[in-house]
C-alpha cells in the first residue's frame, strides 16, 4: 500500500511539474476526470 502511495505522489509531482501554468494544471485535472468518467461508463 505504501508503494502505491509513493508512486501516486511521484506521478502527481511530475504531472504538476510538467505544467507551466495553473491553467495547465486545471486542463490536466479536467482530462484526468474525463478519463475516469469514461472508464466508469465503460465498466457499467
N, C-alpha and C. Protein backbone atom coordinates (compact mmCIF):
# COMPACT_ATOMS: atom_id res chain seq x y z
N UNK A 1 0.83 -1.20 0.00
CA UNK A 1 0.00 0.00 0.00
C UNK A 1 0.87 1.25 0.00
N UNK A 2 1.94 1.21 0.76
CA UNK A 2 2.82 2.37 0.84
C UNK A 2 3.49 2.66 -0.51
N UNK A 3 3.83 1.59 -1.25
CA UNK A 3 4.46 1.79 -2.55
C UNK A 3 3.51 2.49 -3.51
N UNK A 4 2.24 2.12 -3.45
CA UNK A 4 1.25 2.75 -4.32
C UNK A 4 1.13 4.23 -3.99
N UNK A 5 1.11 4.56 -2.71
CA UNK A 5 1.01 5.96 -2.29
C UNK A 5 2.23 6.75 -2.76
N UNK A 6 3.40 6.17 -2.61
CA UNK A 6 4.62 6.86 -3.03
C UNK A 6 4.61 7.07 -4.54
N UNK A 7 4.19 6.06 -5.30
CA UNK A 7 4.12 6.20 -6.75
C UNK A 7 3.09 7.24 -7.17
N UNK A 8 1.97 7.29 -6.48
CA UNK A 8 0.94 8.28 -6.79
C UNK A 8 1.43 9.70 -6.53
N UNK A 9 2.13 9.88 -5.43
CA UNK A 9 2.67 11.20 -5.11
C UNK A 9 3.74 11.60 -6.13
N UNK A 10 4.58 10.65 -6.50
CA UNK A 10 5.61 10.94 -7.50
C UNK A 10 4.98 11.29 -8.84
N UNK A 11 3.96 10.56 -9.24
CA UNK A 11 3.28 10.85 -10.50
C UNK A 11 2.62 12.22 -10.47
N UNK A 12 1.99 12.55 -9.36
CA UNK A 12 1.35 13.86 -9.24
C UNK A 12 2.38 14.98 -9.28
N UNK A 13 3.52 14.75 -8.66
CA UNK A 13 4.58 15.76 -8.67
C UNK A 13 5.11 15.98 -10.08
N UNK A 14 5.34 14.89 -10.79
CA UNK A 14 5.83 15.01 -12.17
C UNK A 14 4.80 15.67 -13.07
N UNK A 15 3.55 15.31 -12.90
CA UNK A 15 2.49 15.90 -13.72
C UNK A 15 2.37 17.39 -13.45
N UNK A 16 2.49 17.78 -12.20
CA UNK A 16 2.40 19.19 -11.84
C UNK A 16 3.62 19.95 -12.35
N UNK A 17 4.78 19.34 -12.27
CA UNK A 17 6.00 19.99 -12.74
C UNK A 17 5.97 20.18 -14.26
N UNK A 18 5.26 19.30 -14.96
CA UNK A 18 5.18 19.40 -16.41
C UNK A 18 4.30 20.55 -16.86
N UNK A 19 3.43 21.03 -16.00
CA UNK A 19 2.52 22.13 -16.37
C UNK A 19 3.23 23.46 -16.15
N UNK A 20 3.10 24.35 -17.11
CA UNK A 20 3.75 25.65 -16.99
C UNK A 20 2.92 26.66 -16.21
N UNK A 21 1.61 26.44 -16.17
CA UNK A 21 0.74 27.41 -15.51
C UNK A 21 -0.32 26.69 -14.69
N UNK A 22 -1.00 27.44 -13.86
CA UNK A 22 -2.11 26.90 -13.09
C UNK A 22 -3.22 26.47 -14.04
N UNK A 23 -3.38 27.20 -15.12
CA UNK A 23 -4.39 26.85 -16.12
C UNK A 23 -4.06 25.48 -16.72
N UNK A 24 -2.78 25.20 -16.93
CA UNK A 24 -2.37 23.90 -17.45
C UNK A 24 -2.70 22.78 -16.48
N UNK A 25 -2.53 23.04 -15.20
CA UNK A 25 -2.89 22.04 -14.18
C UNK A 25 -4.38 21.77 -14.23
N UNK A 26 -5.17 22.82 -14.39
CA UNK A 26 -6.62 22.67 -14.48
C UNK A 26 -7.01 21.83 -15.68
N UNK A 27 -6.36 22.05 -16.81
CA UNK A 27 -6.66 21.25 -18.00
C UNK A 27 -6.29 19.79 -17.78
N UNK A 28 -5.14 19.55 -17.14
CA UNK A 28 -4.72 18.18 -16.87
C UNK A 28 -5.71 17.49 -15.93
N UNK A 29 -6.15 18.20 -14.89
CA UNK A 29 -7.11 17.63 -13.94
C UNK A 29 -8.43 17.33 -14.64
N UNK A 30 -8.84 18.22 -15.53
CA UNK A 30 -10.08 18.02 -16.26
C UNK A 30 -9.97 16.80 -17.18
N UNK A 31 -8.83 16.64 -17.83
CA UNK A 31 -8.62 15.49 -18.71
C UNK A 31 -8.61 14.19 -17.90
N UNK A 32 -7.99 14.23 -16.73
CA UNK A 32 -7.97 13.03 -15.87
C UNK A 32 -9.38 12.68 -15.41
N UNK A 33 -10.15 13.68 -15.06
CA UNK A 33 -11.54 13.44 -14.65
C UNK A 33 -12.36 12.85 -15.78
N UNK A 34 -12.16 13.34 -16.98
CA UNK A 34 -12.88 12.81 -18.13
C UNK A 34 -12.50 11.35 -18.37
N UNK A 35 -11.22 11.03 -18.19
CA UNK A 35 -10.77 9.64 -18.37
C UNK A 35 -11.43 8.73 -17.35
N UNK A 36 -11.54 9.20 -16.11
CA UNK A 36 -12.18 8.40 -15.06
C UNK A 36 -13.66 8.19 -15.38
N UNK A 37 -14.31 9.25 -15.84
CA UNK A 37 -15.73 9.15 -16.20
C UNK A 37 -15.93 8.14 -17.34
N UNK A 38 -15.06 8.21 -18.34
CA UNK A 38 -15.15 7.27 -19.46
C UNK A 38 -14.95 5.83 -19.00
N UNK A 39 -13.97 5.63 -18.13
CA UNK A 39 -13.71 4.28 -17.63
C UNK A 39 -14.90 3.76 -16.83
N UNK A 40 -15.50 4.63 -16.03
CA UNK A 40 -16.67 4.24 -15.24
C UNK A 40 -17.84 3.91 -16.15
N UNK A 41 -18.01 4.69 -17.18
CA UNK A 41 -19.10 4.46 -18.13
C UNK A 41 -18.90 3.13 -18.86
N UNK A 42 -17.65 2.84 -19.25
CA UNK A 42 -17.35 1.58 -19.93
C UNK A 42 -17.53 0.38 -19.02
N UNK A 43 -17.28 0.56 -17.73
CA UNK A 43 -17.38 -0.56 -16.78
C UNK A 43 -18.82 -0.90 -16.46
N UNK A 44 -19.73 0.00 -16.74
CA UNK A 44 -21.14 -0.20 -16.41
C UNK A 44 -21.73 -1.35 -17.14
